[in-house]
Structure formats: structure tokens, C-alpha cells
């Protein structure tokens, strides 16, 4: 359906971009995106994707808002402490943009339910801090041929990558793209959680917003995909670098 006058005004700054325009905004409106983990990364990503006019936005999280979340999870307010994150997020996002259909799921993603949870979405964003969840999301995206945008943060640094191994698994070997397990083969023995080592709040906004930006690019076809590359951002030095990420022929998921 064509945009109504209010929607034309709401998305005007997208529509005038030659890389998006009316056709790109229509693609955003037709898209479905699932955000796994409505926390430090998922919160800003959800805000920007809702503002962008993504047609259906899924929020999957099992946790409740805690006071310690408010230092970085900007989707929530002090009055939300104790509420399920998906409920508080849904209220805020509906108020931001009632055009967006919200699909809220109070659940923890696992290897057993990942494919069922991800199956009816076009694009997946993973902002969790748990490797078992990350591995489950990656395996399901590879099997279902879904693009996966993954972000991570700790202390003052963060990283982001897009994985499309499932979309190239049937193609020639030389054209295949890596999955998350090509980057992280196994659970690191010396895991440093944000709870243990800390994280500067604004950094999660930087990486979360970048995840939303990459999602907009993937949906509209604007610019160059980050598939096959990893971007690392150092907040202390204000420097970023992008490195090539080739597929691992010994990868337990896509090798």
C-alpha cells in the first residue's frame, strides 16, 4: 500500500536519500526483523529500526529490567524496573512509531527452539552476551539461510559483523561467506562479562546503532554489506578498523 501523508512526512529524510527513496522505504515497511536480547545493544537497535519504519519488529528476551540496566539500556525508564524487558520495550516503541507491528516473545533462545523462533523473520540481530545463545542463533541462521547481524561490547571496545553463510552455502566454495563460528570457534576459556569488567554506556549505543544501520542497508540494498568483514571500534582511542573475515574450512557449522 502507498504511504499516507503522515508516513511520507515521518520517513521524509529516508525518502530523499537516493540509496533508499520510496522503494527502499517500501522494503523497510515489508521487512520483518528479530532482535535477540533487548539489552545494551538491542535497545538502541530497536529504537532506530522502529523509527526507520520496519514493518514487523520481533523482540525476544527472557529478562526483566534491572536498575543497573539503565546506565546503558536507553529504551527503559526508572519506572520500568522489574517489568519484563519485552513489555517495557513494546510500550516505548509503540509510542515512538505506531506503524510498526511488534512481535514480543518472552523466551530464552536455545539450540532446541532457535529455528522455530527465527523461521518467520527476514533478518536477525543478535545483541546477547551469552555464547550458547550466540551459537544457537548462528546455527539456526545458517540452516534457515537468514542473514545475521552480530554485535558485541566490553569495557571501551566493540565489534560488529554481518554473517550470510546460509545464503551462500549452496554456491561454489570460493563464493561462500563465513558464519559466526568462523570467528569464534569455541567458547573462550577466559570470558569477561560486562557485569564483571564493566562497559561504558555510550559504547552500547554506538554499536547498537551500527547494527540498526547495517540492518537498514541489508533490507534496502544500500551501500556495501559487511558480510565477510569484521569492524572493531576502540572508544578510548576513537579509532575503528575493518578486517577481512574469511570462512573457516574447519568450521563446525559452515565448514
Foldseek 3Di string as FASTA:
>chain_A
DADDPVVCVLQVVQQPDPLQHRNLLVLQLVFEEEEEDQALQNQLLLQVSLSSNRAEYEYEEQDFDAPVRVQANVLDDPVRGPPRPQVSNVVSSCVNHVNHHYHYHNDHDALVCQLVVPVPGQAYEYEDQDVRRLVSNQLNCLVNQHKYWYKDDAAFKIKIAIERQNVPLPDDPVPGFATVCLVVVDDDPDDDDCVRHNYRNVVSNVRSVVSSVLVSCVSSVGDDHRTQKMKMAGRVVRDIDIDGRGYDPPRPRRD
